Each structure stands twice: as C-alpha cells, then as structure tokens.
PDB file of N, CA and C in Angstrom:
ATOM      1  N   UNK A   1       5.223  -3.547  -4.704  1.00  0.00           N
ATOM      2  CA  UNK A   1       4.687  -2.786  -5.820  1.00  0.00           C
ATOM      3  C   UNK A   1       5.693  -2.775  -6.960  1.00  0.00           C
ATOM      4  N   UNK A   2       6.962  -2.553  -6.627  1.00  0.00           N
ATOM      5  CA  UNK A   2       7.992  -2.523  -7.657  1.00  0.00           C
ATOM      6  C   UNK A   2       8.092  -3.867  -8.366  1.00  0.00           C
ATOM      7  N   UNK A   3       8.037  -4.941  -7.598  1.00  0.00           N
ATOM      8  CA  UNK A   3       8.117  -6.283  -8.185  1.00  0.00           C
ATOM      9  C   UNK A   3       6.998  -6.500  -9.202  1.00  0.00           C
ATOM     10  N   UNK A   4       5.781  -6.089  -8.839  1.00  0.00           N
ATOM     11  CA  UNK A   4       4.656  -6.255  -9.752  1.00  0.00           C
ATOM     12  C   UNK A   4       4.779  -5.342 -10.966  1.00  0.00           C
ATOM     13  N   UNK A   5       5.305  -4.136 -10.793  1.00  0.00           N
ATOM     14  CA  UNK A   5       5.496  -3.233 -11.922  1.00  0.00           C
ATOM     15  C   UNK A   5       6.515  -3.808 -12.903  1.00  0.00           C
ATOM     16  N   UNK A   6       7.596  -4.383 -12.384  1.00  0.00           N
ATOM     17  CA  UNK A   6       8.602  -4.983 -13.253  1.00  0.00           C
ATOM     18  C   UNK A   6       8.043  -6.176 -14.004  1.00  0.00           C
ATOM     19  N   UNK A   7       7.220  -6.972 -13.343  1.00  0.00           N
ATOM     20  CA  UNK A   7       6.598  -8.106 -14.016  1.00  0.00           C
ATOM     21  C   UNK A   7       5.677  -7.636 -15.137  1.00  0.00           C
ATOM     22  N   UNK A   8       4.970  -6.531 -14.911  1.00  0.00           N
ATOM     23  CA  UNK A   8       4.088  -5.997 -15.956  1.00  0.00           C
ATOM     24  C   UNK A   8       4.880  -5.484 -17.145  1.00  0.00           C
ATOM     25  N   UNK A   9       6.057  -4.919 -16.900  1.00  0.00           N
ATOM     26  CA  UNK A   9       6.897  -4.465 -18.004  1.00  0.00           C
ATOM     27  C   UNK A   9       7.329  -5.646 -18.863  1.00  0.00           C
ATOM     28  N   UNK A  10       7.689  -6.747 -18.205  1.00  0.00           N
ATOM     29  CA  UNK A  10       8.114  -7.933 -18.937  1.00  0.00           C
ATOM     30  C   UNK A  10       6.985  -8.558 -19.737  1.00  0.00           C
ATOM     31  N   UNK A  11       5.766  -8.519 -19.200  1.00  0.00           N
ATOM     32  CA  UNK A  11       4.658  -9.201 -19.859  1.00  0.00           C
ATOM     33  C   UNK A  11       3.826  -8.279 -20.740  1.00  0.00           C
ATOM     34  N   UNK A  12       4.121  -6.994 -20.746  1.00  0.00           N
ATOM     35  CA  UNK A  12       3.363  -5.997 -21.519  1.00  0.00           C
ATOM     36  C   UNK A  12       1.881  -6.022 -21.164  1.00  0.00           C
ATOM     37  N   UNK A  13       1.575  -6.197 -19.896  1.00  0.00           N
ATOM     38  CA  UNK A  13       0.194  -6.243 -19.417  1.00  0.00           C
ATOM     39  C   UNK A  13      -0.293  -4.826 -19.163  1.00  0.00           C
ATOM     40  N   UNK A  14      -1.123  -4.304 -20.065  1.00  0.00           N
ATOM     41  CA  UNK A  14      -1.604  -2.930 -19.945  1.00  0.00           C
ATOM     42  C   UNK A  14      -2.959  -2.841 -19.261  1.00  0.00           C
ATOM     43  N   UNK A  15      -3.528  -3.977 -18.867  1.00  0.00           N
ATOM     44  CA  UNK A  15      -4.864  -3.968 -18.288  1.00  0.00           C
ATOM     45  C   UNK A  15      -4.890  -3.354 -16.901  1.00  0.00           C
ATOM     46  N   UNK A  16      -3.838  -3.549 -16.124  1.00  0.00           N
ATOM     47  CA  UNK A  16      -3.814  -3.065 -14.747  1.00  0.00           C
ATOM     48  C   UNK A  16      -3.105  -1.721 -14.665  1.00  0.00           C
ATOM     49  N   UNK A  17      -3.516  -0.934 -13.697  1.00  0.00           N
ATOM     50  CA  UNK A  17      -2.870   0.353 -13.476  1.00  0.00           C
ATOM     51  C   UNK A  17      -1.569   0.125 -12.719  1.00  0.00           C
ATOM     52  N   UNK A  18      -0.500   0.836 -13.074  1.00  0.00           N
ATOM     53  CA  UNK A  18       0.811   0.595 -12.468  1.00  0.00           C
ATOM     54  C   UNK A  18       0.906   0.989 -10.996  1.00  0.00           C
ATOM     55  N   UNK A  19      -0.029   1.789 -10.500  1.00  0.00           N
ATOM     56  CA  UNK A  19       0.054   2.218  -9.102  1.00  0.00           C
ATOM     57  C   UNK A  19      -0.767   1.344  -8.166  1.00  0.00           C
ATOM     58  N   UNK A  20      -1.279   0.243  -8.663  1.00  0.00           N
ATOM     59  CA  UNK A  20      -2.093  -0.663  -7.855  1.00  0.00           C
ATOM     60  C   UNK A  20      -1.286  -1.893  -7.480  1.00  0.00           C
ATOM     61  N   UNK A  21      -1.512  -2.365  -6.260  1.00  0.00           N
ATOM     62  CA  UNK A  21      -0.885  -3.594  -5.793  1.00  0.00           C
ATOM     63  C   UNK A  21      -1.956  -4.672  -5.787  1.00  0.00           C
ATOM     64  N   UNK A  22      -1.692  -5.781  -6.448  1.00  0.00           N
ATOM     65  CA  UNK A  22      -2.622  -6.902  -6.458  1.00  0.00           C
ATOM     66  C   UNK A  22      -2.290  -7.766  -5.249  1.00  0.00           C
ATOM     67  N   UNK A  23      -3.112  -7.648  -4.228  1.00  0.00           N
ATOM     68  CA  UNK A  23      -2.837  -8.316  -2.957  1.00  0.00           C
ATOM     69  C   UNK A  23      -2.822  -9.828  -3.122  1.00  0.00           C
ATOM     70  N   UNK A  24      -3.638 -10.346  -3.997  1.00  0.00           N
ATOM     71  CA  UNK A  24      -3.706 -11.795  -4.207  1.00  0.00           C
ATOM     72  C   UNK A  24      -2.397 -12.354  -4.748  1.00  0.00           C
ATOM     73  N   UNK A  25      -1.579 -11.523  -5.361  1.00  0.00           N
ATOM     74  CA  UNK A  25      -0.308 -11.983  -5.919  1.00  0.00           C
ATOM     75  C   UNK A  25       0.846 -11.881  -4.921  1.00  0.00           C
ATOM     76  N   UNK A  26       0.587 -11.343  -3.728  1.00  0.00           N
ATOM     77  CA  UNK A  26       1.627 -11.215  -2.715  1.00  0.00           C
ATOM     78  C   UNK A  26       1.744 -12.514  -1.916  1.00  0.00           C
ATOM     79  N   UNK A  27       2.931 -12.791  -1.451  1.00  0.00           N
ATOM     80  CA  UNK A  27       3.115 -13.940  -0.561  1.00  0.00           C
ATOM     81  C   UNK A  27       2.523 -13.590   0.797  1.00  0.00           C
ATOM     82  N   UNK A  28       2.359 -14.581   1.650  1.00  0.00           N
ATOM     83  CA  UNK A  28       1.774 -14.311   2.967  1.00  0.00           C
ATOM     84  C   UNK A  28       2.675 -13.376   3.776  1.00  0.00           C
ATOM     85  N   UNK A  29       3.985 -13.513   3.633  1.00  0.00           N
ATOM     86  CA  UNK A  29       4.907 -12.614   4.327  1.00  0.00           C
ATOM     87  C   UNK A  29       4.734 -11.183   3.829  1.00  0.00           C
ATOM     88  N   UNK A  30       4.634 -11.016   2.512  1.00  0.00           N
ATOM     89  CA  UNK A  30       4.464  -9.671   1.943  1.00  0.00           C
ATOM     90  C   UNK A  30       3.138  -9.061   2.384  1.00  0.00           C
ATOM     91  N   UNK A  31       2.075  -9.880   2.449  1.00  0.00           N
ATOM     92  CA  UNK A  31       0.781  -9.378   2.923  1.00  0.00           C
ATOM     93  C   UNK A  31       0.861  -8.938   4.379  1.00  0.00           C
ATOM     94  N   UNK A  32       1.557  -9.725   5.198  1.00  0.00           N
ATOM     95  CA  UNK A  32       1.717  -9.351   6.604  1.00  0.00           C
ATOM     96  C   UNK A  32       2.493  -8.055   6.746  1.00  0.00           C
ATOM     97  N   UNK A  33       3.564  -7.897   5.960  1.00  0.00           N
ATOM     98  CA  UNK A  33       4.355  -6.664   6.010  1.00  0.00           C
ATOM     99  C   UNK A  33       3.535  -5.467   5.537  1.00  0.00           C
ATOM    100  N   UNK A  34       2.733  -5.662   4.502  1.00  0.00           N
ATOM    101  CA  UNK A  34       1.879  -4.586   4.000  1.00  0.00           C
ATOM    102  C   UNK A  34       0.852  -4.200   5.058  1.00  0.00           C
ATOM    103  N   UNK A  35       0.234  -5.189   5.683  1.00  0.00           N
ATOM    104  CA  UNK A  35      -0.757  -4.925   6.725  1.00  0.00           C
ATOM    105  C   UNK A  35      -0.129  -4.144   7.886  1.00  0.00           C
ATOM    106  N   UNK A  36       1.046  -4.557   8.298  1.00  0.00           N
ATOM    107  CA  UNK A  36       1.742  -3.864   9.391  1.00  0.00           C
ATOM    108  C   UNK A  36       2.088  -2.427   8.996  1.00  0.00           C
ATOM    109  N   UNK A  37       2.557  -2.234   7.775  1.00  0.00           N
ATOM    110  CA  UNK A  37       2.900  -0.892   7.305  1.00  0.00           C
ATOM    111  C   UNK A  37       1.666   0.003   7.263  1.00  0.00           C
ATOM    112  N   UNK A  38       0.533  -0.547   6.840  1.00  0.00           N
ATOM    113  CA  UNK A  38      -0.692   0.248   6.790  1.00  0.00           C
ATOM    114  C   UNK A  38      -1.176   0.619   8.189  1.00  0.00           C
ATOM    115  N   UNK A  39      -0.987  -0.282   9.154  1.00  0.00           N
ATOM    116  CA  UNK A  39      -1.337   0.035  10.541  1.00  0.00           C
ATOM    117  C   UNK A  39      -0.451   1.165  11.072  1.00  0.00           C
ATOM    118  N   UNK A  40       0.813   1.131  10.724  1.00  0.00           N
ATOM    119  CA  UNK A  40       1.738   2.188  11.158  1.00  0.00           C
ATOM    120  C   UNK A  40       1.337   3.531  10.556  1.00  0.00           C
ATOM    121  N   UNK A  41       0.976   3.531   9.286  1.00  0.00           N
ATOM    122  CA  UNK A  41       0.544   4.762   8.619  1.00  0.00           C
ATOM    123  C   UNK A  41      -0.738   5.289   9.259  1.00  0.00           C
ATOM    124  N   UNK A  42      -1.675   4.385   9.553  1.00  0.00           N
ATOM    125  CA  UNK A  42      -2.925   4.798  10.190  1.00  0.00           C
ATOM    126  C   UNK A  42      -2.657   5.435  11.553  1.00  0.00           C
ATOM    127  N   UNK A  43      -1.776   4.810  12.330  1.00  0.00           N
ATOM    128  CA  UNK A  43      -1.429   5.348  13.641  1.00  0.00           C
ATOM    129  C   UNK A  43      -0.769   6.727  13.505  1.00  0.00           C
ATOM    130  N   UNK A  44       0.134   6.868  12.552  1.00  0.00           N
ATOM    131  CA  UNK A  44       0.787   8.152  12.320  1.00  0.00           C
ATOM    132  C   UNK A  44      -0.228   9.233  11.946  1.00  0.00           C
ATOM    133  N   UNK A  45      -1.156   8.888  11.058  1.00  0.00           N
ATOM    134  CA  UNK A  45      -2.188   9.847  10.666  1.00  0.00           C
ATOM    135  C   UNK A  45      -3.022  10.291  11.861  1.00  0.00           C
ATOM    136  N   UNK A  46      -3.369   9.336  12.731  1.00  0.00           N
ATOM    137  CA  UNK A  46      -4.151   9.675  13.917  1.00  0.00           C
ATOM    138  C   UNK A  46      -3.361  10.582  14.848  1.00  0.00           C
ATOM    139  N   UNK A  47      -2.081  10.284  15.048  1.00  0.00           N
ATOM    140  CA  UNK A  47      -1.246  11.106  15.919  1.00  0.00           C
ATOM    141  C   UNK A  47      -1.081  12.527  15.362  1.00  0.00           C
ATOM    142  N   UNK A  48      -0.849  12.633  14.052  1.00  0.00           N
ATOM    143  CA  UNK A  48      -0.708  13.962  13.443  1.00  0.00           C
ATOM    144  C   UNK A  48      -2.007  14.748  13.517  1.00  0.00           C
ATOM    145  N   UNK A  49      -3.106  14.056  13.272  1.00  0.00           N
ATOM    146  CA  UNK A  49      -4.409  14.707  13.337  1.00  0.00           C
ATOM    147  C   UNK A  49      -4.684  15.229  14.737  1.00  0.00           C
ATOM    148  N   UNK A  50      -4.358  14.426  15.743  1.00  0.00           N
ATOM    149  CA  UNK A  50      -4.565  14.856  17.120  1.00  0.00           C
ATOM    150  C   UNK A  50      -3.589  15.973  17.502  1.00  0.00           C
ATOM    151  N   UNK A  51      -2.341  15.832  17.124  1.00  0.00           N
ATOM    152  CA  UNK A  51      -1.297  16.799  17.494  1.00  0.00           C
ATOM    153  C   UNK A  51      -1.573  18.183  16.902  1.00  0.00           C
ATOM    154  N   UNK A  52      -2.011  18.219  15.652  1.00  0.00           N
ATOM    155  CA  UNK A  52      -2.217  19.499  14.987  1.00  0.00           C
ATOM    156  C   UNK A  52      -3.692  19.889  14.924  1.00  0.00           C
ATOM    157  N   UNK A  53      -4.515  19.198  15.738  1.00  0.00           N
ATOM    158  CA  UNK A  53      -5.947  19.542  15.851  1.00  0.00           C
ATOM    159  C   UNK A  53      -6.629  19.561  14.475  1.00  0.00           C
ATOM    160  N   UNK A  54      -6.462  18.473  13.756  1.00  0.00           N
ATOM    161  CA  UNK A  54      -7.037  18.385  12.413  1.00  0.00           C
ATOM    162  C   UNK A  54      -8.337  17.594  12.392  1.00  0.00           C
ATOM    163  N   UNK A  55      -8.897  17.296  13.573  1.00  0.00           N
ATOM    164  CA  UNK A  55     -10.153  16.562  13.619  1.00  0.00           C
ATOM    165  C   UNK A  55     -11.280  17.450  13.075  1.00  0.00           C
ATOM    166  N   UNK A  56     -12.071  16.843  12.248  1.00  0.00           N
ATOM    167  CA  UNK A  56     -13.201  17.577  11.669  1.00  0.00           C
ATOM    168  C   UNK A  56     -14.495  17.008  12.213  1.00  0.00           C
ATOM    169  N   UNK A  57     -15.501  17.881  12.395  1.00  0.00           N
ATOM    170  CA  UNK A  57     -16.791  17.417  12.899  1.00  0.00           C
ATOM    171  C   UNK A  57     -17.709  17.074  11.757  1.00  0.00           C
TER     172      UNK A  57
END
C-alpha cells in the first residue's frame, strides 16, 4: 500500500483513493503475502468472535 501511495505522489494521480490497494499492480509474491495476511486476519476475527461470544444470529 505504501509503495502505491508513494507512486501516486510522484505521478500526481488523484483518480484513485489513497487507502485502496490495486491488486493488479502487485507482484505475484506481494499478492500471495496479501492473501496469507488476509487469511490470518480472518482466522483472528473468528477466534475473537468465538472467544468473546460475539456471534450474532
């Protein structure tokens, strides 16, 4: 995300929002790392939800 934000500063590209990651511009390694990180976050959310009884019906 930081890499893309810095590139936008250099190019003065105001069309895209700075908090968005353009997945198509990531290398395959970066996409794999992002996918793994999102899986970890999902697992953490599930564990916290179960631990603190945050499941909603």
